[in-house]
Amino acid sequence: MWAAVATYPREQLYQEIAYIAYHFHWSQDAILDMEHEERHTWLKEIARINREINAARRQD
């Protein structure tokens, strides 16, 4: 796992960790234990949830 992290842009990894941790309150270790593809699946899911919430707010 760490070899993959070493080649991944550090700033982008920090942003992904912060985004997931902020929304789901998962630990840094739990997020880092995910494979890249799984982490990106959660990023997309959070973005989808946020879009739905924002759309609902605009309708009110």
N, C-alpha and C. Protein backbone atom coordinates (compact mmCIF):
# COMPACT_ATOMS: atom_id res chain seq x y z
N MET A 1 0.82 -1.19 0.00
CA MET A 1 0.00 0.00 0.00
C MET A 1 0.86 1.25 0.00
N TRP A 2 1.88 1.33 0.83
CA TRP A 2 2.66 2.54 0.94
C TRP A 2 3.38 2.91 -0.34
N ALA A 3 3.74 1.93 -1.16
CA ALA A 3 4.37 2.25 -2.44
C ALA A 3 3.42 3.05 -3.31
N ALA A 4 2.17 2.69 -3.29
CA ALA A 4 1.17 3.42 -4.08
C ALA A 4 0.98 4.83 -3.53
N VAL A 5 0.99 4.97 -2.23
CA VAL A 5 0.82 6.28 -1.61
C VAL A 5 2.00 7.17 -1.96
N ALA A 6 3.20 6.60 -1.98
CA ALA A 6 4.40 7.39 -2.25
C ALA A 6 4.38 7.99 -3.65
N THR A 7 3.73 7.33 -4.60
CA THR A 7 3.69 7.82 -5.97
C THR A 7 2.45 8.69 -6.24
N TYR A 8 1.53 8.73 -5.33
CA TYR A 8 0.31 9.50 -5.48
C TYR A 8 0.57 10.92 -5.00
N PRO A 9 0.10 11.93 -5.70
CA PRO A 9 0.35 13.32 -5.26
C PRO A 9 -0.14 13.54 -3.83
N ARG A 10 0.77 13.91 -2.97
CA ARG A 10 0.47 14.04 -1.54
C ARG A 10 -0.67 15.02 -1.28
N GLU A 11 -0.65 16.18 -1.94
CA GLU A 11 -1.70 17.17 -1.72
C GLU A 11 -3.07 16.63 -2.09
N GLN A 12 -3.15 15.89 -3.19
CA GLN A 12 -4.42 15.31 -3.60
C GLN A 12 -4.89 14.27 -2.60
N LEU A 13 -3.97 13.46 -2.10
CA LEU A 13 -4.32 12.46 -1.10
C LEU A 13 -4.87 13.13 0.15
N TYR A 14 -4.22 14.20 0.63
CA TYR A 14 -4.70 14.93 1.80
C TYR A 14 -6.10 15.49 1.56
N GLN A 15 -6.34 16.02 0.37
CA GLN A 15 -7.66 16.57 0.05
C GLN A 15 -8.72 15.47 0.09
N GLU A 16 -8.40 14.32 -0.46
CA GLU A 16 -9.35 13.20 -0.47
C GLU A 16 -9.64 12.73 0.95
N ILE A 17 -8.60 12.61 1.76
CA ILE A 17 -8.79 12.17 3.14
C ILE A 17 -9.66 13.18 3.89
N ALA A 18 -9.36 14.47 3.74
CA ALA A 18 -10.12 15.50 4.43
C ALA A 18 -11.59 15.49 4.01
N TYR A 19 -11.83 15.33 2.73
CA TYR A 19 -13.20 15.34 2.18
C TYR A 19 -14.01 14.19 2.75
N ILE A 20 -13.45 12.99 2.73
CA ILE A 20 -14.17 11.82 3.24
C ILE A 20 -14.32 11.91 4.75
N ALA A 21 -13.25 12.27 5.46
CA ALA A 21 -13.32 12.36 6.92
C ALA A 21 -14.34 13.41 7.36
N TYR A 22 -14.38 14.54 6.67
CA TYR A 22 -15.32 15.61 7.01
C TYR A 22 -16.77 15.13 6.88
N HIS A 23 -17.07 14.45 5.79
CA HIS A 23 -18.45 14.05 5.52
C HIS A 23 -18.88 12.79 6.25
N PHE A 24 -17.99 11.81 6.37
CA PHE A 24 -18.37 10.53 6.96
C PHE A 24 -17.77 10.31 8.34
N HIS A 25 -16.87 11.18 8.77
CA HIS A 25 -16.24 11.08 10.10
C HIS A 25 -15.45 9.78 10.26
N TRP A 26 -14.88 9.31 9.18
CA TRP A 26 -14.02 8.13 9.24
C TRP A 26 -12.61 8.57 9.58
N SER A 27 -11.86 7.68 10.22
CA SER A 27 -10.49 8.01 10.61
C SER A 27 -9.55 8.04 9.41
N GLN A 28 -8.45 8.75 9.59
CA GLN A 28 -7.43 8.81 8.55
C GLN A 28 -6.92 7.41 8.21
N ASP A 29 -6.69 6.60 9.23
CA ASP A 29 -6.20 5.24 8.99
C ASP A 29 -7.20 4.41 8.18
N ALA A 30 -8.48 4.55 8.50
CA ALA A 30 -9.50 3.80 7.76
C ALA A 30 -9.52 4.21 6.29
N ILE A 31 -9.37 5.49 6.05
CA ILE A 31 -9.38 5.99 4.67
C ILE A 31 -8.12 5.56 3.93
N LEU A 32 -6.98 5.64 4.61
CA LEU A 32 -5.72 5.24 3.98
C LEU A 32 -5.67 3.74 3.69
N ASP A 33 -6.42 2.95 4.46
CA ASP A 33 -6.45 1.50 4.23
C ASP A 33 -7.23 1.13 2.97
N MET A 34 -8.00 2.07 2.44
CA MET A 34 -8.78 1.79 1.22
C MET A 34 -7.87 1.77 0.00
N GLU A 35 -8.25 0.96 -0.95
CA GLU A 35 -7.60 1.00 -2.25
C GLU A 35 -8.02 2.29 -2.95
N HIS A 36 -7.21 2.74 -3.87
CA HIS A 36 -7.47 3.97 -4.61
C HIS A 36 -8.88 3.98 -5.21
N GLU A 37 -9.24 2.91 -5.86
CA GLU A 37 -10.55 2.83 -6.53
C GLU A 37 -11.70 2.94 -5.52
N GLU A 38 -11.58 2.28 -4.39
CA GLU A 38 -12.63 2.34 -3.37
C GLU A 38 -12.76 3.76 -2.82
N ARG A 39 -11.62 4.39 -2.55
CA ARG A 39 -11.63 5.76 -2.04
C ARG A 39 -12.33 6.69 -3.03
N HIS A 40 -12.05 6.52 -4.32
CA HIS A 40 -12.68 7.36 -5.33
C HIS A 40 -14.17 7.07 -5.48
N THR A 41 -14.57 5.84 -5.22
CA THR A 41 -15.99 5.52 -5.23
C THR A 41 -16.70 6.31 -4.13
N TRP A 42 -16.09 6.39 -2.94
CA TRP A 42 -16.68 7.15 -1.84
C TRP A 42 -16.68 8.64 -2.13
N LEU A 43 -15.62 9.14 -2.77
CA LEU A 43 -15.59 10.56 -3.15
C LEU A 43 -16.75 10.89 -4.08
N LYS A 44 -16.98 10.04 -5.04
CA LYS A 44 -18.10 10.25 -5.98
C LYS A 44 -19.44 10.19 -5.27
N GLU A 45 -19.57 9.27 -4.32
CA GLU A 45 -20.83 9.13 -3.59
C GLU A 45 -21.10 10.37 -2.73
N ILE A 46 -20.08 10.88 -2.07
CA ILE A 46 -20.24 12.11 -1.28
C ILE A 46 -20.65 13.27 -2.19
N ALA A 47 -20.01 13.38 -3.34
CA ALA A 47 -20.35 14.45 -4.28
C ALA A 47 -21.81 14.31 -4.74
N ARG A 48 -22.26 13.09 -4.98
CA ARG A 48 -23.65 12.87 -5.39
C ARG A 48 -24.60 13.30 -4.28
N ILE A 49 -24.31 12.92 -3.05
CA ILE A 49 -25.14 13.31 -1.91
C ILE A 49 -25.21 14.84 -1.80
N ASN A 50 -24.07 15.49 -1.92
CA ASN A 50 -24.03 16.95 -1.84
C ASN A 50 -24.84 17.60 -2.96
N ARG A 51 -24.75 17.06 -4.16
CA ARG A 51 -25.56 17.61 -5.27
C ARG A 51 -27.04 17.49 -4.97
N GLU A 52 -27.47 16.34 -4.43
CA GLU A 52 -28.89 16.15 -4.12
C GLU A 52 -29.35 17.11 -3.03
N ILE A 53 -28.52 17.28 -2.00
CA ILE A 53 -28.87 18.20 -0.92
C ILE A 53 -28.97 19.63 -1.47
N ASN A 54 -28.01 20.03 -2.27
CA ASN A 54 -28.01 21.39 -2.84
C ASN A 54 -29.21 21.61 -3.76
N ALA A 55 -29.56 20.61 -4.55
CA ALA A 55 -30.72 20.72 -5.43
C ALA A 55 -32.00 20.87 -4.62
N ALA A 56 -32.12 20.12 -3.54
CA ALA A 56 -33.30 20.20 -2.69
C ALA A 56 -33.39 21.56 -2.03
N ARG A 57 -32.27 22.12 -1.62
CA ARG A 57 -32.26 23.45 -1.00
C ARG A 57 -32.70 24.52 -1.97
N ARG A 58 -32.27 24.38 -3.23
CA ARG A 58 -32.65 25.38 -4.25
C ARG A 58 -34.15 25.34 -4.54
N GLN A 59 -34.76 24.19 -4.35
CA GLN A 59 -36.19 24.05 -4.62
C GLN A 59 -37.05 24.65 -3.51
N ASP A 60 -36.47 24.80 -2.34
CA ASP A 60 -37.25 25.34 -1.20
C ASP A 60 -37.52 26.80 -1.31
